[in-house]
Protein backbone atom coordinates (compact mmCIF):
# COMPACT_ATOMS: atom_id res chain seq x y z
CA UNK A 1 98.96 90.67 162.40
CA UNK A 2 101.55 90.99 159.66
CA UNK A 3 100.70 87.55 158.24
CA UNK A 4 96.98 88.35 158.17
CA UNK A 5 97.68 91.66 156.47
CA UNK A 6 99.80 90.00 153.74
CA UNK A 7 97.21 87.28 153.16
CA UNK A 8 94.42 89.87 152.87
CA UNK A 9 96.46 91.90 150.34
CA UNK A 10 97.14 88.75 148.33
CA UNK A 11 93.44 87.85 148.20
CA UNK A 12 92.57 91.36 147.06
CA UNK A 13 95.21 91.24 144.29
CA UNK A 14 93.94 87.87 143.05
CA UNK A 15 90.40 89.17 143.00
CA UNK A 16 91.40 92.19 140.96
CA UNK A 17 93.27 89.98 138.47
CA UNK A 18 90.25 87.70 138.07
CA UNK A 19 88.02 90.73 137.58
CA UNK A 20 90.35 92.06 134.85
CA UNK A 21 90.46 88.71 133.08
CA UNK A 22 86.71 88.42 133.20
CA UNK A 23 85.55 91.92 132.30
CA UNK A 24 88.33 93.69 130.36
CA UNK A 25 87.84 91.58 127.20
CA UNK A 26 84.13 92.31 127.43
CA UNK A 27 84.84 96.01 127.73
CA UNK A 28 87.23 95.96 124.76
CA UNK A 29 85.00 93.78 122.60
CA UNK A 30 82.94 96.70 121.27
CA UNK A 31 86.15 98.46 120.25
CA UNK A 32 87.45 95.40 118.44
CA UNK A 33 84.11 94.78 116.79
CA UNK A 34 83.94 98.40 115.66
CA UNK A 35 87.37 98.10 114.08
CA UNK A 36 86.39 94.86 112.38
CA UNK A 37 83.18 96.43 111.14
CA UNK A 38 85.15 99.42 109.84
CA UNK A 39 87.46 97.07 107.97
CA UNK A 40 84.45 95.32 106.47
CA UNK A 41 82.72 98.59 105.66
CA UNK A 42 85.86 100.07 104.06
CA UNK A 43 87.75 97.17 102.46
CA UNK A 44 91.34 97.78 101.46
CA UNK A 45 92.59 97.66 97.88
CA UNK A 46 96.39 97.41 97.88
CA UNK A 47 97.79 99.11 94.76
CA UNK A 48 101.18 98.11 93.29
CA UNK A 49 102.92 99.49 90.20
CA UNK A 50 105.00 97.88 87.48
CA UNK A 51 106.54 100.85 85.71
CA UNK A 52 109.60 100.12 83.55
CA UNK A 53 111.47 96.93 82.78
CA UNK A 54 110.63 93.82 84.76
CA UNK A 55 113.82 93.32 86.77
CA UNK A 56 114.78 91.45 89.97
CA UNK A 57 114.30 94.52 92.17
CA UNK A 58 110.79 95.06 90.79
CA UNK A 59 109.99 91.39 91.37
CA UNK A 60 111.04 91.72 95.03
CA UNK A 61 108.82 94.80 95.33
CA UNK A 62 105.78 92.94 93.95
CA UNK A 63 106.42 89.94 96.20
CA UNK A 64 106.65 92.16 99.29
CA UNK A 65 103.52 94.07 98.26
CA UNK A 66 101.48 90.88 97.96
CA UNK A 67 102.75 89.70 101.34
CA UNK A 68 101.88 93.06 102.92
CA UNK A 69 98.37 92.95 101.44
CA UNK A 70 97.90 89.50 102.95
CA UNK A 71 98.97 90.74 106.40
CA UNK A 72 96.57 93.66 106.17
CA UNK A 73 93.74 91.42 104.93
CA UNK A 74 93.13 93.43 101.78
CA UNK A 75 90.08 92.71 99.66
CA UNK A 76 91.94 93.08 96.36
CA UNK A 77 95.47 93.62 95.03
CA UNK A 78 95.54 96.01 92.08
CA UNK A 79 98.71 96.02 89.94
CA UNK A 80 98.89 98.82 87.36
CA UNK A 81 101.25 97.97 84.52
CA UNK A 82 103.24 99.95 81.98
CA UNK A 83 106.22 97.89 80.87
CA UNK A 84 108.09 96.99 77.66
CA UNK A 85 109.01 93.61 79.16
CA UNK A 86 112.01 92.37 81.05
CA UNK A 87 113.81 89.34 82.38
CA UNK A 88 111.99 86.01 82.20
CA UNK A 89 113.25 84.95 85.64
CA UNK A 90 111.77 88.06 87.28
CA UNK A 91 108.52 87.61 85.32
CA UNK A 92 108.19 84.01 86.48
CA UNK A 93 108.79 85.06 90.09
CA UNK A 94 106.00 87.65 89.89
CA UNK A 95 103.58 85.19 88.25
CA UNK A 96 104.25 82.52 90.87
CA UNK A 97 103.32 84.94 93.65
CA UNK A 98 100.20 86.11 91.78
CA UNK A 99 98.99 82.53 91.29
CA UNK A 100 99.69 81.64 94.94
CA UNK A 101 98.16 84.83 96.38
CA UNK A 102 95.27 84.16 98.81
CA UNK A 103 93.91 87.58 97.84
CA UNK A 104 92.47 88.17 94.35
CA UNK A 105 94.85 90.03 92.04
CA UNK A 106 93.78 92.44 89.30
CA UNK A 107 96.32 93.53 86.68
CA UNK A 108 95.36 96.80 84.99
CA UNK A 109 97.26 98.17 81.98
CA UNK A 110 96.97 101.90 82.59
CA UNK A 111 96.96 104.83 82.10
CA UNK A 112 96.14 105.56 78.47
CA UNK A 113 99.19 105.04 76.26
CA UNK A 114 100.63 102.31 78.46
CA UNK A 115 101.57 98.82 77.34
CA UNK A 116 102.04 95.36 78.75
CA UNK A 117 104.46 93.96 76.21
CA UNK A 118 106.58 90.81 76.36
CA UNK A 119 106.87 89.83 80.05
CA UNK A 120 104.01 92.22 80.87
CA UNK A 121 101.72 90.16 78.61
CA UNK A 122 102.33 87.01 80.67
CA UNK A 123 101.74 88.91 83.93
CA UNK A 124 98.48 90.35 82.58
CA UNK A 125 97.08 86.94 81.65
CA UNK A 126 98.12 85.36 84.97
CA UNK A 127 95.89 87.63 87.09
CA UNK A 128 92.46 86.82 88.52
CA UNK A 129 91.18 89.92 86.70
CA UNK A 130 92.88 91.22 83.56
CA UNK A 131 91.88 94.74 82.54
CA UNK A 132 93.12 97.43 80.17
CA UNK A 133 92.50 101.12 79.80
CA UNK A 134 91.45 102.67 76.46
CA UNK A 135 94.40 103.44 74.20
CA UNK A 136 96.66 100.69 75.59
CA UNK A 137 98.12 97.56 74.02
CA UNK A 138 99.66 94.24 74.95
CA UNK A 139 101.34 91.20 73.39
CA UNK A 140 104.61 90.94 71.41
CA UNK A 141 105.72 88.21 73.78
CA UNK A 142 108.20 86.25 71.65
CA UNK A 143 111.15 85.21 73.86
CA UNK A 144 114.48 86.89 73.11
CA UNK A 145 117.87 85.35 73.85
CA UNK A 146 120.32 88.13 74.66
CA UNK A 147 124.06 87.69 75.27
CA UNK A 148 126.10 90.70 76.29
CA UNK A 149 123.26 93.03 75.42
CA UNK A 150 122.91 91.77 71.85
CA UNK A 151 120.62 89.22 70.22
CA UNK A 152 122.71 86.53 68.51
CA UNK A 153 121.65 84.60 65.46
CA UNK A 154 120.15 81.29 66.57
CA UNK A 155 119.14 78.27 64.49
CA UNK A 156 115.55 77.26 63.93
CA UNK A 157 115.70 74.32 66.36
CA UNK A 158 116.72 76.54 69.28
CA UNK A 159 114.09 79.10 68.34
CA UNK A 160 111.39 76.40 68.36
CA UNK A 161 112.54 75.21 71.78
CA UNK A 162 112.33 78.72 73.18
CA UNK A 163 108.88 79.30 71.69
CA UNK A 164 107.51 75.91 72.81
CA UNK A 165 108.72 76.47 76.36
CA UNK A 166 107.13 79.94 76.46
CA UNK A 167 103.87 78.64 75.00
CA UNK A 168 103.64 75.84 77.53
CA UNK A 169 104.26 78.27 80.36
CA UNK A 170 101.55 80.61 79.04
CA UNK A 171 99.00 77.77 78.68
CA UNK A 172 99.73 76.52 82.21
CA UNK A 173 97.84 79.44 83.74
CA UNK A 174 95.85 81.11 80.94
CA UNK A 175 93.65 78.02 80.43
CA UNK A 176 92.78 77.83 84.16
CA UNK A 177 92.00 81.55 84.09
CA UNK A 178 89.45 80.89 81.34
CA UNK A 179 91.31 82.91 78.72
CA UNK A 180 92.00 82.17 75.05
CA UNK A 181 95.33 80.32 74.91
CA UNK A 182 95.29 79.83 71.15
CA UNK A 183 95.11 83.53 70.41
CA UNK A 184 97.54 84.31 73.21
CA UNK A 185 100.11 81.94 71.67
CA UNK A 186 100.23 84.07 68.53
CA UNK A 187 101.89 86.77 70.64
CA UNK A 188 104.76 84.28 70.95
CA UNK A 189 104.85 82.53 67.58
CA UNK A 190 104.12 85.66 65.51
CA UNK A 191 105.10 88.34 68.05
CA UNK A 192 101.57 89.69 67.60
CA UNK A 193 100.32 92.66 69.65
CA UNK A 194 96.72 93.53 70.58
CA UNK A 195 94.81 96.69 71.43
CA UNK A 196 92.50 96.65 74.42
CA UNK A 197 89.49 96.05 72.18
CA UNK A 198 91.16 93.19 70.34
CA UNK A 199 92.23 91.61 73.62
CA UNK A 200 88.70 91.88 75.03
CA UNK A 201 87.07 90.47 71.88
CA UNK A 202 89.63 87.67 71.84
CA UNK A 203 88.75 86.78 75.46
CA UNK A 204 92.24 87.42 76.76
CA UNK A 205 91.16 90.12 79.21
CA UNK A 206 88.03 90.52 81.30
CA UNK A 207 87.09 94.17 80.89
CA UNK A 208 88.08 97.67 79.80
CA UNK A 209 88.10 100.46 82.39
CA UNK A 210 88.94 104.12 82.01
CA UNK A 211 90.51 104.50 85.48
CA UNK A 212 91.18 102.56 88.68
CA UNK A 213 87.95 103.98 90.14
CA UNK A 214 86.01 102.76 87.12
CA UNK A 215 87.67 99.35 87.40
CA UNK A 216 86.70 98.97 91.07
CA UNK A 217 83.15 100.10 90.25
CA UNK A 218 82.84 97.40 87.57
CA UNK A 219 84.34 94.75 89.85
CA UNK A 220 82.01 95.49 92.77
CA UNK A 221 79.78 92.48 93.37
CA UNK A 222 81.55 90.44 90.68
CA UNK A 223 82.14 86.75 91.37
CA UNK A 224 85.50 85.47 90.20
CA UNK A 225 87.03 82.00 89.98
CA UNK A 226 90.39 81.68 91.68
CA UNK A 227 93.31 79.67 90.30
CA UNK A 228 92.51 76.78 92.67
CA UNK A 229 88.91 76.68 91.43
CA UNK A 230 87.31 78.36 94.46
CA UNK A 231 84.82 81.19 94.08
CA UNK A 232 85.15 84.69 95.53
CA UNK A 233 82.78 87.65 95.39
CA UNK A 234 84.26 91.15 95.49
CA UNK A 235 82.59 93.79 97.66
CA UNK A 236 84.27 97.06 96.68
CA UNK A 237 81.48 99.63 96.95
CA UNK A 238 83.20 101.49 99.79
CA UNK A 239 86.76 100.29 99.14
CA UNK A 240 89.69 102.63 99.64
CA UNK A 241 92.98 102.34 97.74
CA UNK A 242 96.41 102.52 99.34
CA UNK A 243 99.61 102.47 97.29
CA UNK A 244 102.43 100.20 98.39
CA UNK A 245 105.59 102.19 97.68
CA UNK A 246 109.10 101.03 97.00
CA UNK A 247 111.25 100.90 100.12
CA UNK A 248 114.19 103.35 100.35
CA UNK A 249 116.57 100.46 99.68
CA UNK A 250 114.62 99.39 96.59
CA UNK A 251 114.47 102.99 95.32
CA UNK A 252 118.24 103.29 95.74
CA UNK A 253 118.90 100.00 93.94
CA UNK A 254 116.48 100.97 91.20
CA UNK A 255 118.48 104.15 90.61
CA UNK A 256 121.93 102.56 90.39
CA UNK A 257 120.83 99.96 87.84
CA UNK A 258 119.90 102.67 85.36
CA UNK A 259 122.41 102.75 82.46
CA UNK A 260 123.42 106.41 82.91
CA UNK A 261 123.96 106.04 86.66
CA UNK A 262 125.89 102.80 86.16
CA UNK A 263 128.24 104.45 83.65
CA UNK A 264 128.86 107.43 85.93
CA UNK A 265 129.57 105.11 88.89
CA UNK A 266 132.01 103.13 86.75
CA UNK A 267 133.87 106.23 85.56
CA UNK A 268 134.01 107.87 89.00
CA UNK A 269 135.20 104.60 90.52
CA UNK A 270 138.01 104.15 87.99
CA UNK A 271 139.06 107.80 88.30
CA UNK A 272 139.06 107.65 92.12
CA UNK A 273 141.22 104.52 92.25
CA UNK A 274 143.52 105.90 89.55
CA UNK A 275 144.00 109.09 91.56
CA UNK A 276 144.80 107.11 94.71
CA UNK A 277 147.33 104.90 92.92
CA UNK A 278 149.10 107.82 91.28
CA UNK A 279 148.97 110.05 94.39
CA UNK A 280 149.19 107.71 97.41
CA UNK A 281 147.99 109.08 100.70
CA UNK A 282 145.20 111.32 99.37
CA UNK A 283 142.75 108.69 100.75
CA UNK A 284 139.42 110.38 99.85
CA UNK A 285 139.53 109.55 96.08
CA UNK A 286 140.39 105.95 96.91
CA UNK A 287 137.48 105.61 99.34
CA UNK A 288 134.99 107.19 96.95
CA UNK A 289 136.34 105.23 94.00
CA UNK A 290 136.15 101.91 95.85
CA UNK A 291 132.51 102.49 96.86
CA UNK A 292 131.54 103.48 93.31
CA UNK A 293 133.26 100.45 91.79
CA UNK A 294 131.46 98.08 94.18
CA UNK A 295 128.09 99.69 93.35
CA UNK A 296 128.87 99.42 89.64
CA UNK A 297 129.76 95.72 90.01
CA UNK A 298 126.45 95.17 91.83
CA UNK A 299 124.54 96.88 89.02
CA UNK A 300 126.30 94.68 86.44
CA UNK A 301 124.34 91.68 87.78
CA UNK A 302 121.08 93.27 86.62
CA UNK A 303 122.14 95.02 83.41
CA UNK A 304 122.94 93.52 80.00
CA UNK A 305 126.56 94.71 80.02
CA UNK A 306 128.48 94.38 76.76
CA UNK A 307 132.11 93.43 77.43
CA UNK A 308 133.21 95.11 74.21
CA UNK A 309 132.10 98.38 75.80
CA UNK A 310 134.19 97.64 78.91
CA UNK A 311 137.24 96.88 76.75
CA UNK A 312 136.81 100.14 74.85
CA UNK A 313 136.72 102.07 78.14
CA UNK A 314 139.87 100.28 79.32
CA UNK A 315 141.54 101.10 76.00
CA UNK A 316 140.60 104.75 76.42
CA UNK A 317 142.29 104.82 79.83
CA UNK A 318 145.46 103.35 78.27
CA UNK A 319 145.40 106.02 75.52
CA UNK A 320 145.10 108.82 78.10
CA UNK A 321 148.08 107.49 80.08
CA UNK A 322 150.19 107.17 76.92
CA UNK A 323 149.24 110.72 75.94
CA UNK A 324 150.76 111.93 79.20
CA UNK A 325 153.99 109.96 78.63
CA UNK A 326 154.60 110.61 74.95
CA UNK A 327 154.13 113.65 72.78
CA UNK A 328 151.57 112.54 70.18
CA UNK A 329 150.24 116.05 69.42
CA UNK A 330 146.85 115.02 70.82
CA UNK A 331 146.38 111.92 68.64
CA UNK A 332 146.34 109.50 71.59
CA UNK A 333 144.03 111.78 73.59
CA UNK A 334 141.60 112.05 70.68
CA UNK A 335 141.69 108.28 70.26
CA UNK A 336 140.95 107.88 73.96
CA UNK A 337 137.95 110.21 73.79
CA UNK A 338 136.52 108.38 70.76
CA UNK A 339 137.17 104.98 72.38
CA UNK A 340 135.44 106.00 75.63
CA UNK A 341 132.45 107.47 73.80
CA UNK A 342 131.99 104.28 71.79
CA UNK A 343 132.47 102.20 74.93
CA UNK A 344 129.78 104.19 76.73
CA UNK A 345 127.33 103.79 73.86
CA UNK A 346 128.07 100.05 73.51
CA UNK A 347 128.23 99.41 77.26
CA UNK A 348 124.53 98.71 77.87
CA UNK A 349 122.14 97.69 75.15
CA UNK A 350 118.82 96.16 76.14
CA UNK A 351 117.21 94.19 73.30
CA UNK A 352 113.81 94.88 74.89
CA UNK A 353 113.83 98.65 75.11
CA UNK A 354 116.93 99.66 73.17
CA UNK A 355 117.95 101.67 76.22
CA UNK A 356 121.54 102.43 77.08
CA UNK A 357 123.86 105.22 78.16
CA UNK A 358 122.66 108.51 76.69
CA UNK A 359 125.01 110.51 74.46
CA UNK A 360 124.81 113.60 76.70
CA UNK A 361 125.91 111.63 79.77
CA UNK A 362 128.66 109.91 77.79
CA UNK A 363 130.06 113.27 76.65
CA UNK A 364 129.70 114.89 80.07
CA UNK A 365 131.68 112.06 81.71
CA UNK A 366 134.27 111.39 78.99
CA UNK A 367 135.78 114.85 78.54
CA UNK A 368 136.49 115.57 82.25
CA UNK A 369 137.79 112.03 82.67
CA UNK A 370 140.24 112.51 79.78
CA UNK A 371 141.50 115.84 81.08
CA UNK A 372 141.94 114.65 84.68
CA UNK A 373 143.66 111.41 83.66
CA UNK A 374 146.21 113.16 81.41
CA UNK A 375 146.90 115.93 83.94
CA UNK A 376 147.33 113.51 86.86
CA UNK A 377 149.70 111.28 84.92
CA UNK A 378 151.79 114.24 83.79
CA UNK A 379 152.10 115.40 87.39
CA UNK A 380 153.31 111.93 88.38
CA UNK A 381 155.88 111.81 85.58
CA UNK A 382 157.07 115.33 86.34
CA UNK A 383 157.45 114.58 90.06
CA UNK A 384 159.88 111.78 89.25
CA UNK A 385 162.27 114.35 87.77
CA UNK A 386 162.17 116.62 90.80
CA UNK A 387 165.13 116.52 93.12
CA UNK A 388 164.38 115.05 96.53
CA UNK A 389 163.72 117.72 99.14
CA UNK A 390 164.87 115.66 102.16
CA UNK A 391 167.92 113.75 103.40
CA UNK A 392 171.36 113.73 101.75
CA UNK A 393 169.93 114.53 98.34
CA UNK A 394 168.77 117.89 99.69
CA UNK A 395 172.41 118.88 100.46
CA UNK A 396 173.93 117.89 97.14
CA UNK A 397 174.49 121.04 95.08
CA UNK A 398 173.48 123.30 97.96
CA UNK A 399 175.55 126.44 98.53
CA UNK A 400 176.91 127.59 101.88
CA UNK A 401 179.45 129.91 103.46
CA UNK A 402 182.80 128.90 104.98
CA UNK A 403 182.81 129.80 108.67
CA UNK A 404 186.55 129.07 108.89
CA UNK A 405 189.39 128.68 106.42
CA UNK A 406 189.56 125.34 104.66
CA UNK A 407 192.69 123.80 103.20
CA UNK A 408 193.47 120.48 101.57
CA UNK A 409 193.37 117.67 104.08
CA UNK A 410 192.02 119.72 107.01
CA UNK A 411 188.46 120.07 108.26
CA UNK A 412 186.65 123.30 108.84
CA UNK A 413 183.13 124.53 109.47
CA UNK A 414 180.62 125.78 106.91
CA UNK A 415 177.04 126.99 107.23
CA UNK A 416 174.44 125.44 104.87
CA UNK A 417 170.71 126.22 105.15
CA UNK A 418 171.45 127.95 108.43
CA UNK A 419 173.12 124.86 109.92
CA UNK A 420 176.80 124.28 110.81
CA UNK A 421 178.51 121.30 109.17
CA UNK A 422 182.01 119.88 109.20
CA UNK A 423 183.52 120.22 105.76
CA UNK A 424 186.64 119.37 103.81
CA UNK A 425 187.80 120.90 100.56
CA UNK A 426 190.36 119.81 97.96
CA UNK A 427 191.12 123.50 97.35
CA UNK A 428 191.91 126.28 99.79
CA UNK A 429 188.87 128.33 100.82
CA UNK A 430 189.03 131.49 102.87
CA UNK A 431 186.59 132.22 105.67
CA UNK A 432 183.45 133.95 104.48
CA UNK A 433 183.74 132.61 100.91
CA UNK A 434 180.80 130.77 99.26
CA UNK A 435 181.16 127.02 98.73
CA UNK A 436 179.11 124.30 97.04
CA UNK A 437 178.46 120.81 98.42
CA UNK A 438 179.60 118.11 96.00
CA UNK A 439 179.49 115.02 98.22
CA UNK A 440 178.10 113.88 101.58
CA UNK A 441 180.09 111.39 103.65
CA UNK A 442 178.34 110.71 106.94
CA UNK A 443 178.30 114.01 108.86
CA UNK A 444 181.10 115.57 106.78
CA UNK A 445 180.52 117.49 103.59
CA UNK A 446 182.94 117.70 100.69
CA UNK A 447 182.84 121.17 99.17
CA UNK A 448 184.58 123.26 96.62
CA UNK A 449 184.67 127.01 96.02
CA UNK A 450 181.76 128.38 94.06
CA UNK A 451 184.15 130.13 91.63
CA UNK A 452 185.80 126.79 90.85
CA UNK A 453 182.47 125.07 90.43
CA UNK A 454 181.28 127.80 88.03
CA UNK A 455 184.46 127.54 85.96
């Protein structure tokens, strides 16, 4: 009976499983088809933003945005641009991902007043669709060699090599995009810039649009030629846009690589470590200072840091320490303030944007740093002159009271700081008289009468 029951239950279970395998997909098919039809009826346009200098963090953001659009099967990737330029390595990374994208990419210089200069010009011309809003401009793409935040004087041969390399890179994709490479090369050789109308007439961009909505309206039904030569027709009549935002990590890294934030991190880090070294055991300043220094070192990889600025800041710290040690009537402190201000202003200097540490931030950080450094060092120097408050040194010079009479060569008892000690005296001392400790030998104190010590 039991075996028959088990066999019957097993057959029923197998039948139910077969039924599920056969009919559940059929039941879910309408749901899947409705979702697919919704995706076709409302195609996705993934919107990315290049706002500010083209830097490694921004390149990572663009790369991740293109990959996310591919996973979500977007119809179009729209990159709005407003940039003065940036690093060539980051620009090349972005362009490589645009050219390899399986989804068409439109680069749109917007809103009005924006620009796609230098590296932004290359990115604009690399897209499947290049568009600009009214009142925008692009170009000025001559390569700049920057060392330590400054543009050195280079000979004509090196300049030609830089220009030829940039021109070849620009032709490698602008010709396949059907754009005008000859006119585009003048943005390199002559650092020429173009308005949106000039770029359209020169066949460097495809269209002018007043807004992203207007751009999508003009692109609807348009057939484009991809970089590999294939054709694609855009159906954007019912498209909806979704913005791909920076991740929290990318937002944080974007903040710390700003010149003002970098300078503040550097100053707070130095001050925290300085406080820990001069006042061991405080712990918190050392922890905070170490974290800030590490963040500042990370930011140095992305910023054009001028080492002359770092040396001026180090010199300012030396001046503040010397001011605490020697009386210079404020000359060293004033020199330290001037040195730190100049160091802050020279610390970061981008040849692309001219950006650096602002004067207000430099002043707001320099003056408190100078005051704290001088005060902390003076406290350290003053503490070295203080008599030790523990051990034998605490008893030297301390006054007590003779509990018994003391005479030369004999021991007696005295009370010092409320404690009883054995004591010897080279002079007679009566009981109840005040004495002063002049020497400590093990657990025996050598004393003398206070009257004798005063005389």
